[in-house]
Amino acid sequence: MTTTTSVTPTDARCTPRMRSLLAGIRADVARGLPPGDTSALVGERLAGHLGATDLLAAAHCEGDPNSYRQHVLHAEPDGSFSLAALVWLPGQHTPIHDHVSWCVAGVHRGREHEVRFALLPDDDGARLVVTGEAVNAQGSVSAFAPPGDIHLVRNPGPGAAISLHVYGADLARLTTSIRRVYRLPLHRPPLHRR
């Protein structure tokens, strides 16, 4: 993953729509609700901005041919939340991972294929089991909070995809939302036949 620097609300690249979105997220987070409730509120707010052509500056839509790119758009000064735009060229993907905090992800442009996993004990220690898959189109929003947030995301193509991610953590300080990368045996349950 390639990361670009933060943008503050006073930065010229921060659009008026982005300032409005940040103010709304700030109000949602300030309510002090549990992580699952906060992510649900933020997800509802983010959904209304996805696909808007006046949300992101052109610089925040640039990909990297070597890896998906994370543009950290804002990190709240008190560390309570961050907003990032992830740009995925066709075929680019994350490792299987979980997160340091609650997270909301919304597809702004293109499509993203997501595979979710559960971590289960077995005789050799642990394994990952696929619990669901979805192809998320523009406007789709996913909200989740640890534990139970293990997934892999990729761009199935053919064009670039951009998603907006809000995390309950300071990405300017941490540089990533990934808590752990999983390199364990995978198990796909058999298809149910009728």
C-alpha atoms as a PDB file:
ATOM      1  CA  MET A   1       0.000   0.000   0.000  1.00  0.00           C
ATOM      2  CA  THR A   2       1.168   3.503  -0.833  1.00  0.00           C
ATOM      3  CA  THR A   3       0.080   6.331   1.481  1.00  0.00           C
ATOM      4  CA  THR A   4      -0.148  10.064   0.786  1.00  0.00           C
ATOM      5  CA  THR A   5      -0.227  12.815   3.398  1.00  0.00           C
ATOM      6  CA  SER A   6      -3.169  14.214   5.311  1.00  0.00           C
ATOM      7  CA  VAL A   7      -5.335  17.083   4.183  1.00  0.00           C
ATOM      8  CA  THR A   8      -6.788  19.487   6.717  1.00  0.00           C
ATOM      9  CA  PRO A   9     -10.198  21.145   6.281  1.00  0.00           C
ATOM     10  CA  THR A  10      -8.386  24.415   5.508  1.00  0.00           C
ATOM     11  CA  ASP A  11      -6.317  22.824   2.723  1.00  0.00           C
ATOM     12  CA  ALA A  12      -7.218  24.090  -0.753  1.00  0.00           C
ATOM     13  CA  ARG A  13      -7.702  20.468  -1.876  1.00  0.00           C
ATOM     14  CA  CYS A  14     -10.454  19.965   0.718  1.00  0.00           C
ATOM     15  CA  THR A  15     -13.690  20.611  -1.147  1.00  0.00           C
ATOM     16  CA  PRO A  16     -16.745  22.259   0.462  1.00  0.00           C
ATOM     17  CA  ARG A  17     -18.579  18.908   0.281  1.00  0.00           C
ATOM     18  CA  MET A  18     -15.653  17.235   2.073  1.00  0.00           C
ATOM     19  CA  ARG A  19     -15.774  19.914   4.797  1.00  0.00           C
ATOM     20  CA  SER A  20     -19.481  19.207   5.234  1.00  0.00           C
ATOM     21  CA  LEU A  21     -18.885  15.457   5.441  1.00  0.00           C
ATOM     22  CA  LEU A  22     -16.124  15.930   8.025  1.00  0.00           C
ATOM     23  CA  ALA A  23     -18.352  18.167  10.165  1.00  0.00           C
ATOM     24  CA  GLY A  24     -21.090  15.529  10.117  1.00  0.00           C
ATOM     25  CA  ILE A  25     -18.712  12.691  11.005  1.00  0.00           C
ATOM     26  CA  ARG A  26     -17.296  14.827  13.824  1.00  0.00           C
ATOM     27  CA  ALA A  27     -20.826  15.291  15.233  1.00  0.00           C
ATOM     28  CA  ASP A  28     -21.581  11.543  14.946  1.00  0.00           C
ATOM     29  CA  VAL A  29     -18.343  10.539  16.694  1.00  0.00           C
ATOM     30  CA  ALA A  30     -18.815  13.179  19.428  1.00  0.00           C
ATOM     31  CA  ARG A  31     -22.014  11.421  20.543  1.00  0.00           C
ATOM     32  CA  GLY A  32     -19.782   8.886  22.309  1.00  0.00           C
ATOM     33  CA  LEU A  33     -21.812   5.826  21.307  1.00  0.00           C
ATOM     34  CA  PRO A  34     -20.454   2.252  21.259  1.00  0.00           C
ATOM     35  CA  PRO A  35     -18.301   1.409  18.198  1.00  0.00           C
ATOM     36  CA  GLY A  36     -21.018  -0.526  16.354  1.00  0.00           C
ATOM     37  CA  ASP A  37     -23.532   2.301  16.761  1.00  0.00           C
ATOM     38  CA  THR A  38     -20.975   4.941  15.777  1.00  0.00           C
ATOM     39  CA  SER A  39     -20.016   3.045  12.624  1.00  0.00           C
ATOM     40  CA  ALA A  40     -23.695   2.676  11.667  1.00  0.00           C
ATOM     41  CA  LEU A  41     -24.285   6.441  12.041  1.00  0.00           C
ATOM     42  CA  VAL A  42     -21.139   7.327  10.106  1.00  0.00           C
ATOM     43  CA  GLY A  43     -22.113   4.827   7.395  1.00  0.00           C
ATOM     44  CA  GLU A  44     -25.485   6.513   6.917  1.00  0.00           C
ATOM     45  CA  ARG A  45     -23.796   9.903   6.663  1.00  0.00           C
ATOM     46  CA  LEU A  46     -21.114   8.703   4.219  1.00  0.00           C
ATOM     47  CA  ALA A  47     -23.700   7.081   1.919  1.00  0.00           C
ATOM     48  CA  GLY A  48     -25.148  10.464   0.977  1.00  0.00           C
ATOM     49  CA  HIS A  49     -21.815  11.652  -0.431  1.00  0.00           C
ATOM     50  CA  LEU A  50     -20.689   8.593  -2.404  1.00  0.00           C
ATOM     51  CA  GLY A  51     -20.411   9.183  -6.131  1.00  0.00           C
ATOM     52  CA  ALA A  52     -20.562  12.986  -5.807  1.00  0.00           C
ATOM     53  CA  THR A  53     -18.190  14.542  -8.317  1.00  0.00           C
ATOM     54  CA  ASP A  54     -17.454  17.499  -6.015  1.00  0.00           C
ATOM     55  CA  LEU A  55     -16.254  15.408  -3.040  1.00  0.00           C
ATOM     56  CA  LEU A  56     -12.634  14.558  -3.882  1.00  0.00           C
ATOM     57  CA  ALA A  57      -9.905  16.660  -5.410  1.00  0.00           C
ATOM     58  CA  ALA A  58      -8.252  15.131  -8.503  1.00  0.00           C
ATOM     59  CA  ALA A  59      -5.063  14.403  -6.522  1.00  0.00           C
ATOM     60  CA  HIS A  60      -7.050  12.129  -4.200  1.00  0.00           C
ATOM     61  CA  CYS A  61      -8.193   9.935  -7.101  1.00  0.00           C
ATOM     62  CA  GLU A  62      -4.701   8.960  -8.252  1.00  0.00           C
ATOM     63  CA  GLY A  63      -3.695   5.309  -8.076  1.00  0.00           C
ATOM     64  CA  ASP A  64      -0.308   3.613  -7.954  1.00  0.00           C
ATOM     65  CA  PRO A  65       0.570   0.872 -10.470  1.00  0.00           C
ATOM     66  CA  ASN A  66       2.443  -1.101  -7.782  1.00  0.00           C
ATOM     67  CA  SER A  67      -0.180  -1.278  -5.031  1.00  0.00           C
ATOM     68  CA  TYR A  68      -3.487   0.170  -3.925  1.00  0.00           C
ATOM     69  CA  ARG A  69      -3.056   3.742  -2.687  1.00  0.00           C
ATOM     70  CA  GLN A  70      -4.337   5.242   0.540  1.00  0.00           C
ATOM     71  CA  HIS A  71      -4.865   9.017   0.555  1.00  0.00           C
ATOM     72  CA  VAL A  72      -5.321  10.099   4.172  1.00  0.00           C
ATOM     73  CA  LEU A  73      -7.770  12.961   3.710  1.00  0.00           C
ATOM     74  CA  HIS A  74      -8.226  13.921   7.354  1.00  0.00           C
ATOM     75  CA  ALA A  75      -7.148  12.871  10.819  1.00  0.00           C
ATOM     76  CA  GLU A  76      -9.079  14.532  13.623  1.00  0.00           C
ATOM     77  CA  PRO A  77      -6.668  16.407  15.946  1.00  0.00           C
ATOM     78  CA  ASP A  78      -7.926  14.483  19.007  1.00  0.00           C
ATOM     79  CA  GLY A  79      -7.371  11.123  17.221  1.00  0.00           C
ATOM     80  CA  SER A  80     -11.056  10.174  17.343  1.00  0.00           C
ATOM     81  CA  PHE A  81     -11.418   9.467  13.607  1.00  0.00           C
ATOM     82  CA  SER A  82      -9.710   9.570  10.236  1.00  0.00           C
ATOM     83  CA  LEU A  83     -10.979   9.640   6.668  1.00  0.00           C
ATOM     84  CA  ALA A  84      -9.080   8.080   3.773  1.00  0.00           C
ATOM     85  CA  ALA A  85      -9.692   7.515   0.072  1.00  0.00           C
ATOM     86  CA  LEU A  86      -8.358   4.186  -1.202  1.00  0.00           C
ATOM     87  CA  VAL A  87      -7.682   3.951  -4.920  1.00  0.00           C
ATOM     88  CA  TRP A  88      -7.534   0.489  -6.451  1.00  0.00           C
ATOM     89  CA  LEU A  89      -6.372  -0.247  -9.973  1.00  0.00           C
ATOM     90  CA  PRO A  90      -7.734  -3.462 -11.556  1.00  0.00           C
ATOM     91  CA  GLY A  91      -6.532  -6.566  -9.716  1.00  0.00           C
ATOM     92  CA  GLN A  92      -5.092  -4.735  -6.700  1.00  0.00           C
ATOM     93  CA  HIS A  93      -6.046  -6.099  -3.297  1.00  0.00           C
ATOM     94  CA  THR A  94      -5.369  -6.030   0.417  1.00  0.00           C
ATOM     95  CA  PRO A  95      -3.973  -8.947   2.355  1.00  0.00           C
ATOM     96  CA  ILE A  96      -6.442 -10.769   4.608  1.00  0.00           C
ATOM     97  CA  HIS A  97      -6.573  -8.463   7.627  1.00  0.00           C
ATOM     98  CA  ASP A  98      -8.516  -6.990  10.513  1.00  0.00           C
ATOM     99  CA  HIS A  99      -8.583  -3.450  11.904  1.00  0.00           C
ATOM    100  CA  VAL A 100      -7.392  -1.340  14.820  1.00  0.00           C
ATOM    101  CA  SER A 101     -10.839   0.223  15.317  1.00  0.00           C
ATOM    102  CA  TRP A 102     -14.378   0.485  13.999  1.00  0.00           C
ATOM    103  CA  CYS A 103     -14.513   1.166  10.286  1.00  0.00           C
ATOM    104  CA  VAL A 104     -16.925   2.337   7.621  1.00  0.00           C
ATOM    105  CA  ALA A 105     -16.130   1.750   3.942  1.00  0.00           C
ATOM    106  CA  GLY A 106     -18.161   3.149   1.063  1.00  0.00           C
ATOM    107  CA  VAL A 107     -17.605   2.619  -2.660  1.00  0.00           C
ATOM    108  CA  HIS A 108     -17.288   6.034  -4.289  1.00  0.00           C
ATOM    109  CA  ARG A 109     -16.469   4.836  -7.819  1.00  0.00           C
ATOM    110  CA  GLY A 110     -16.238   1.428  -9.494  1.00  0.00           C
ATOM    111  CA  ARG A 111     -16.713  -1.914  -7.737  1.00  0.00           C
ATOM    112  CA  GLU A 112     -14.943  -3.803  -4.959  1.00  0.00           C
ATOM    113  CA  HIS A 113     -15.015  -7.516  -4.257  1.00  0.00           C
ATOM    114  CA  GLU A 114     -14.956  -8.291  -0.535  1.00  0.00           C
ATOM    115  CA  VAL A 115     -14.416 -11.673   1.107  1.00  0.00           C
ATOM    116  CA  ARG A 116     -15.141 -11.935   4.867  1.00  0.00           C
ATOM    117  CA  PHE A 117     -13.637 -14.542   7.169  1.00  0.00           C
ATOM    118  CA  ALA A 118     -14.028 -16.018  10.645  1.00  0.00           C
ATOM    119  CA  LEU A 119     -11.051 -17.214  12.667  1.00  0.00           C
ATOM    120  CA  LEU A 120     -11.665 -20.723  14.030  1.00  0.00           C
ATOM    121  CA  PRO A 121      -9.501 -22.982  16.167  1.00  0.00           C
ATOM    122  CA  ASP A 122      -8.398 -26.305  14.723  1.00  0.00           C
ATOM    123  CA  ASP A 123      -5.935 -29.077  15.542  1.00  0.00           C
ATOM    124  CA  ASP A 124      -3.024 -27.064  14.106  1.00  0.00           C
ATOM    125  CA  GLY A 125      -3.878 -23.810  15.920  1.00  0.00           C
ATOM    126  CA  ALA A 126      -6.300 -21.796  13.794  1.00  0.00           C
ATOM    127  CA  ARG A 127      -7.762 -21.483  10.319  1.00  0.00           C
ATOM    128  CA  LEU A 128      -9.828 -18.980   8.390  1.00  0.00           C
ATOM    129  CA  VAL A 129     -13.295 -19.842   7.138  1.00  0.00           C
ATOM    130  CA  VAL A 130     -15.004 -17.819   4.420  1.00  0.00           C
ATOM    131  CA  THR A 131     -18.250 -16.442   5.860  1.00  0.00           C
ATOM    132  CA  GLY A 132     -19.400 -14.293   2.954  1.00  0.00           C
ATOM    133  CA  GLU A 133     -18.551 -12.605  -0.323  1.00  0.00           C
ATOM    134  CA  ALA A 134     -19.987  -9.556  -2.020  1.00  0.00           C
ATOM    135  CA  VAL A 135     -19.274  -7.355  -4.985  1.00  0.00           C
ATOM    136  CA  ASN A 136     -19.968  -3.860  -3.708  1.00  0.00           C
ATOM    137  CA  ALA A 137     -20.997  -1.308  -6.336  1.00  0.00           C
ATOM    138  CA  GLN A 138     -20.865   2.481  -6.165  1.00  0.00           C
ATOM    139  CA  GLY A 139     -22.926   3.660  -3.203  1.00  0.00           C
ATOM    140  CA  SER A 140     -22.475   0.461  -1.166  1.00  0.00           C
ATOM    141  CA  VAL A 141     -21.520   0.976   2.485  1.00  0.00           C
ATOM    142  CA  SER A 142     -20.128  -1.549   4.959  1.00  0.00           C
ATOM    143  CA  ALA A 143     -19.771  -0.789   8.657  1.00  0.00           C
ATOM    144  CA  PHE A 144     -18.085  -3.022  11.198  1.00  0.00           C
ATOM    145  CA  ALA A 145     -16.197  -3.082  14.466  1.00  0.00           C
ATOM    146  CA  PRO A 146     -13.695  -5.558  15.889  1.00  0.00           C
ATOM    147  CA  PRO A 147     -13.812  -8.413  16.605  1.00  0.00           C
ATOM    148  CA  GLY A 148     -15.244 -10.160  13.578  1.00  0.00           C
ATOM    149  CA  ASP A 149     -13.861  -7.737  11.004  1.00  0.00           C
ATOM    150  CA  ILE A 150     -11.483 -10.014   9.066  1.00  0.00           C
ATOM    151  CA  HIS A 151     -11.656  -9.501   5.322  1.00  0.00           C
ATOM    152  CA  LEU A 152      -9.863  -9.089   1.999  1.00  0.00           C
ATOM    153  CA  VAL A 153     -10.837  -6.429  -0.542  1.00  0.00           C
ATOM    154  CA  ARG A 154      -9.872  -6.319  -4.217  1.00  0.00           C
ATOM    155  CA  ASN A 155     -10.788  -4.461  -7.375  1.00  0.00           C
ATOM    156  CA  PRO A 156     -12.245  -6.978  -9.853  1.00  0.00           C
ATOM    157  CA  GLY A 157     -11.808  -4.408 -12.662  1.00  0.00           C
ATOM    158  CA  PRO A 158     -11.999  -3.428 -15.389  1.00  0.00           C
ATOM    159  CA  GLY A 159     -11.441   0.224 -14.317  1.00  0.00           C
ATOM    160  CA  ALA A 160     -10.148   1.953 -11.206  1.00  0.00           C
ATOM    161  CA  ALA A 161     -12.185   1.815  -8.009  1.00  0.00           C
ATOM    162  CA  ILE A 162     -12.213   4.401  -5.217  1.00  0.00           C
ATOM    163  CA  SER A 163     -13.587   3.814  -1.746  1.00  0.00           C
ATOM    164  CA  LEU A 164     -13.835   6.123   1.240  1.00  0.00           C
ATOM    165  CA  HIS A 165     -12.938   4.721   4.648  1.00  0.00           C
ATOM    166  CA  VAL A 166     -13.648   6.257   8.039  1.00  0.00           C
ATOM    167  CA  TYR A 167     -11.780   4.757  10.986  1.00  0.00           C
ATOM    168  CA  GLY A 168     -12.095   5.395  14.715  1.00  0.00           C
ATOM    169  CA  ALA A 169      -8.335   5.909  14.907  1.00  0.00           C
ATOM    170  CA  ASP A 170      -5.638   8.419  13.970  1.00  0.00           C
ATOM    171  CA  LEU A 171      -4.239   7.268  10.599  1.00  0.00           C
ATOM    172  CA  ALA A 172      -1.838  10.211  10.459  1.00  0.00           C
ATOM    173  CA  ARG A 173      -0.096   8.708  13.484  1.00  0.00           C
ATOM    174  CA  LEU A 174      -0.635   4.988  12.796  1.00  0.00           C
ATOM    175  CA  THR A 175      -0.264   5.199   8.959  1.00  0.00           C
ATOM    176  CA  THR A 176      -2.513   2.142   8.533  1.00  0.00           C
ATOM    177  CA  SER A 177      -5.823   0.807   9.832  1.00  0.00           C
ATOM    178  CA  ILE A 178      -4.599  -2.786   9.656  1.00  0.00           C
ATOM    179  CA  ARG A 179      -4.131  -4.417  13.039  1.00  0.00           C
ATOM    180  CA  ARG A 180      -3.111  -7.881  11.901  1.00  0.00           C
ATOM    181  CA  VAL A 181      -2.440  -9.646   8.580  1.00  0.00           C
ATOM    182  CA  TYR A 182      -3.558 -13.301   8.499  1.00  0.00           C
ATOM    183  CA  ARG A 183      -1.528 -15.973   6.757  1.00  0.00           C
ATOM    184  CA  LEU A 184      -3.447 -19.061   7.831  1.00  0.00           C
ATOM    185  CA  PRO A 185      -4.982 -22.039   6.049  1.00  0.00           C
ATOM    186  CA  LEU A 186      -8.289 -21.187   4.350  1.00  0.00           C
ATOM    187  CA  HIS A 187     -11.423 -23.269   4.385  1.00  0.00           C
ATOM    188  CA  ARG A 188     -14.387 -22.668   2.104  1.00  0.00           C
ATOM    189  CA  PRO A 189     -17.573 -24.377   3.239  1.00  0.00           C
ATOM    190  CA  PRO A 190     -19.099 -26.691   0.620  1.00  0.00           C
ATOM    191  CA  LEU A 191     -21.984 -25.351  -1.457  1.00  0.00           C
ATOM    192  CA  HIS A 192     -25.356 -26.427  -0.138  1.00  0.00           C
ATOM    193  CA  ARG A 193     -27.248 -28.488  -2.662  1.00  0.00           C
ATOM    194  CA  ARG A 194     -30.982 -29.103  -2.642  1.00  0.00           C
END
